[in-house]
C-alpha atoms as a PDB file:
ATOM      1  CA  PHE A   1     -50.860 -33.754  60.714  1.00  0.00           C
ATOM      2  CA  ILE A   2     -47.321 -34.597  59.573  1.00  0.00           C
ATOM      3  CA  GLU A   3     -44.138 -32.670  60.293  1.00  0.00           C
ATOM      4  CA  VAL A   4     -41.049 -33.244  58.135  1.00  0.00           C
ATOM      5  CA  GLU A   5     -37.603 -32.133  59.270  1.00  0.00           C
ATOM      6  CA  PHE A   6     -34.892 -31.485  56.674  1.00  0.00           C
ATOM      7  CA  VAL A   7     -31.119 -31.162  57.022  1.00  0.00           C
ATOM      8  CA  LYS A   8     -29.351 -29.682  53.984  1.00  0.00           C
ATOM      9  CA  GLY A   9     -32.454 -30.418  51.901  1.00  0.00           C
ATOM     10  CA  VAL A  10     -32.689 -34.092  52.903  1.00  0.00           C
ATOM     11  CA  PRO A  11     -35.643 -35.359  54.973  1.00  0.00           C
ATOM     12  CA  VAL A  12     -34.223 -36.739  58.222  1.00  0.00           C
ATOM     13  CA  LYS A  13     -37.270 -36.956  60.488  1.00  0.00           C
ATOM     14  CA  LEU A  14     -40.989 -37.480  59.968  1.00  0.00           C
ATOM     15  CA  THR A  15     -43.333 -36.967  62.908  1.00  0.00           C
ATOM     16  CA  ASN A  16     -47.029 -37.786  62.951  1.00  0.00           C
ATOM     17  CA  LYS A  17     -48.371 -35.133  65.318  1.00  0.00           C
ATOM     18  CA  THR A  18     -51.663 -37.007  65.664  1.00  0.00           C
ATOM     19  CA  ASP A  19     -50.345 -40.261  67.147  1.00  0.00           C
ATOM     20  CA  GLY A  20     -46.721 -39.373  67.999  1.00  0.00           C
ATOM     21  CA  THR A  21     -45.087 -41.760  65.514  1.00  0.00           C
ATOM     22  CA  VAL A  22     -41.516 -40.671  64.679  1.00  0.00           C
ATOM     23  CA  LYS A  23     -39.371 -42.065  61.846  1.00  0.00           C
ATOM     24  CA  THR A  24     -35.711 -41.170  61.310  1.00  0.00           C
ATOM     25  CA  ASP A  25     -34.309 -44.131  59.358  1.00  0.00           C
ATOM     26  CA  PRO A  26     -34.427 -43.096  55.665  1.00  0.00           C
ATOM     27  CA  LEU A  27     -36.189 -46.246  54.438  1.00  0.00           C
ATOM     28  CA  GLU A  28     -38.648 -46.349  57.325  1.00  0.00           C
ATOM     29  CA  LEU A  29     -39.321 -42.623  56.866  1.00  0.00           C
ATOM     30  CA  PHE A  30     -40.149 -43.105  53.181  1.00  0.00           C
ATOM     31  CA  LEU A  31     -42.263 -46.227  53.775  1.00  0.00           C
ATOM     32  CA  TYR A  32     -44.212 -44.450  56.518  1.00  0.00           C
ATOM     33  CA  ALA A  33     -44.702 -41.414  54.252  1.00  0.00           C
ATOM     34  CA  ASN A  34     -46.043 -43.858  51.617  1.00  0.00           C
ATOM     35  CA  GLU A  35     -48.433 -45.376  54.146  1.00  0.00           C
ATOM     36  CA  ILE A  36     -49.776 -42.073  55.483  1.00  0.00           C
ATOM     37  CA  ALA A  37     -50.052 -40.299  52.122  1.00  0.00           C
ATOM     38  CA  GLY A  38     -51.469 -43.357  50.338  1.00  0.00           C
ATOM     39  CA  ARG A  39     -54.138 -43.758  52.982  1.00  0.00           C
ATOM     40  CA  ASN A  40     -55.192 -40.174  52.270  1.00  0.00           C
ATOM     41  CA  GLY A  41     -55.260 -40.425  48.462  1.00  0.00           C
ATOM     42  CA  ILE A  42     -52.100 -38.392  47.884  1.00  0.00           C
ATOM     43  CA  GLY A  43     -49.689 -39.061  45.037  1.00  0.00           C
ATOM     44  CA  ARG A  44     -51.723 -40.699  42.256  1.00  0.00           C
ATOM     45  CA  ILE A  45     -51.721 -39.194  38.777  1.00  0.00           C
ATOM     46  CA  ASP A  46     -53.348 -40.258  35.509  1.00  0.00           C
ATOM     47  CA  ILE A  47     -51.756 -38.504  32.531  1.00  0.00           C
ATOM     48  CA  VAL A  48     -51.278 -38.652  28.782  1.00  0.00           C
ATOM     49  CA  GLU A  49     -47.582 -38.549  27.943  1.00  0.00           C
ATOM     50  CA  ASN A  50     -45.743 -37.491  24.804  1.00  0.00           C
ATOM     51  CA  ARG A  51     -43.177 -40.263  24.418  1.00  0.00           C
ATOM     52  CA  PHE A  52     -39.657 -39.706  23.083  1.00  0.00           C
ATOM     53  CA  VAL A  53     -40.419 -41.943  20.074  1.00  0.00           C
ATOM     54  CA  GLY A  54     -43.311 -39.690  18.985  1.00  0.00           C
ATOM     55  CA  ILE A  55     -46.361 -41.490  20.343  1.00  0.00           C
ATOM     56  CA  LYS A  56     -48.768 -40.632  23.098  1.00  0.00           C
ATOM     57  CA  SER A  57     -49.442 -43.037  25.925  1.00  0.00           C
ATOM     58  CA  ARG A  58     -51.540 -43.046  29.042  1.00  0.00           C
ATOM     59  CA  GLY A  59     -49.726 -43.465  32.319  1.00  0.00           C
ATOM     60  CA  VAL A  60     -51.049 -43.980  35.816  1.00  0.00           C
ATOM     61  CA  TYR A  61     -48.423 -43.490  38.503  1.00  0.00           C
ATOM     62  CA  GLU A  62     -48.493 -43.675  42.278  1.00  0.00           C
ATOM     63  CA  THR A  63     -45.859 -42.282  44.589  1.00  0.00           C
ATOM     64  CA  PRO A  64     -47.611 -41.149  47.746  1.00  0.00           C
ATOM     65  CA  GLY A  65     -44.506 -40.871  49.946  1.00  0.00           C
ATOM     66  CA  GLY A  66     -42.528 -39.145  47.231  1.00  0.00           C
ATOM     67  CA  THR A  67     -45.327 -36.646  46.675  1.00  0.00           C
ATOM     68  CA  LEU A  68     -45.642 -35.878  50.386  1.00  0.00           C
ATOM     69  CA  LEU A  69     -41.882 -35.340  50.780  1.00  0.00           C
ATOM     70  CA  ARG A  70     -41.584 -33.330  47.552  1.00  0.00           C
ATOM     71  CA  GLU A  71     -44.425 -30.992  48.554  1.00  0.00           C
ATOM     72  CA  ALA A  72     -42.813 -30.438  51.956  1.00  0.00           C
ATOM     73  CA  HIS A  73     -39.492 -29.703  50.238  1.00  0.00           C
ATOM     74  CA  MET A  74     -41.135 -27.328  47.754  1.00  0.00           C
ATOM     75  CA  ASP A  75     -42.666 -25.403  50.690  1.00  0.00           C
ATOM     76  CA  LEU A  76     -39.223 -25.200  52.289  1.00  0.00           C
ATOM     77  CA  GLU A  77     -37.691 -23.944  49.025  1.00  0.00           C
ATOM     78  CA  GLY A  78     -40.355 -21.243  48.811  1.00  0.00           C
ATOM     79  CA  ILE A  79     -39.267 -19.948  52.215  1.00  0.00           C
ATOM     80  CA  CYS A  80     -35.491 -20.301  51.769  1.00  0.00           C
ATOM     81  CA  MET A  81     -34.749 -19.456  48.126  1.00  0.00           C
ATOM     82  CA  ASP A  82     -34.931 -16.114  46.423  1.00  0.00           C
ATOM     83  CA  ARG A  83     -36.858 -15.755  43.178  1.00  0.00           C
ATOM     84  CA  GLU A  84     -33.845 -15.999  40.843  1.00  0.00           C
ATOM     85  CA  VAL A  85     -32.404 -19.120  42.485  1.00  0.00           C
ATOM     86  CA  LYS A  86     -35.859 -20.721  42.350  1.00  0.00           C
ATOM     87  CA  ARG A  87     -36.142 -19.905  38.627  1.00  0.00           C
ATOM     88  CA  ILE A  88     -32.741 -21.473  37.919  1.00  0.00           C
ATOM     89  CA  THR A  89     -33.435 -24.635  39.933  1.00  0.00           C
ATOM     90  CA  GLU A  90     -36.813 -25.116  38.228  1.00  0.00           C
ATOM     91  CA  GLY A  91     -35.160 -24.915  34.801  1.00  0.00           C
ATOM     92  CA  LEU A  92     -32.425 -27.374  35.788  1.00  0.00           C
ATOM     93  CA  SER A  93     -34.999 -29.697  37.325  1.00  0.00           C
ATOM     94  CA  ASN A  94     -37.057 -29.759  34.123  1.00  0.00           C
ATOM     95  CA  GLU A  95     -33.980 -30.469  32.003  1.00  0.00           C
ATOM     96  CA  PHE A  96     -32.823 -33.250  34.361  1.00  0.00           C
ATOM     97  CA  ALA A  97     -36.296 -34.838  34.253  1.00  0.00           C
ATOM     98  CA  ARG A  98     -36.351 -34.647  30.438  1.00  0.00           C
ATOM     99  CA  LEU A  99     -32.957 -36.339  30.135  1.00  0.00           C
ATOM    100  CA  CYS A 100     -33.928 -39.112  32.584  1.00  0.00           C
ATOM    101  CA  TYR A 101     -37.320 -39.705  30.965  1.00  0.00           C
ATOM    102  CA  ASN A 102     -35.768 -39.968  27.508  1.00  0.00           C
ATOM    103  CA  GLY A 103     -33.149 -42.484  28.642  1.00  0.00           C
ATOM    104  CA  PHE A 104     -30.081 -40.221  28.623  1.00  0.00           C
ATOM    105  CA  TRP A 105     -28.875 -41.213  32.095  1.00  0.00           C
ATOM    106  CA  PHE A 106     -25.327 -41.961  30.863  1.00  0.00           C
ATOM    107  CA  ALA A 107     -25.194 -39.182  28.227  1.00  0.00           C
ATOM    108  CA  PRO A 108     -22.570 -36.413  28.516  1.00  0.00           C
ATOM    109  CA  GLU A 109     -25.373 -33.892  29.150  1.00  0.00           C
ATOM    110  CA  MET A 110     -25.985 -35.475  32.556  1.00  0.00           C
ATOM    111  CA  GLU A 111     -22.583 -34.323  33.744  1.00  0.00           C
END
């Protein structure tokens, strides 16, 4: 199994408890998370999206390392955050994702 260590919410160490592999460099950590999670079928989604311009499109995305690290972080949040803080962060996260997806990266709302 995999153990992920976080400091201030940032993954700083990934340890494979099965073979003893340890990664601490951010890029190597992410690439190794990609390798391990991808090998185990984690992080692939096939969805129908509602595009900003009013059409639907099918998207297939793969981010095995990102999914592994996000799930570990979500578990950590569940332990560390109270219910109200979690509710607020989920709302802000959804709004941030909406603005990014719709191309508003440099819009005043992003500040």
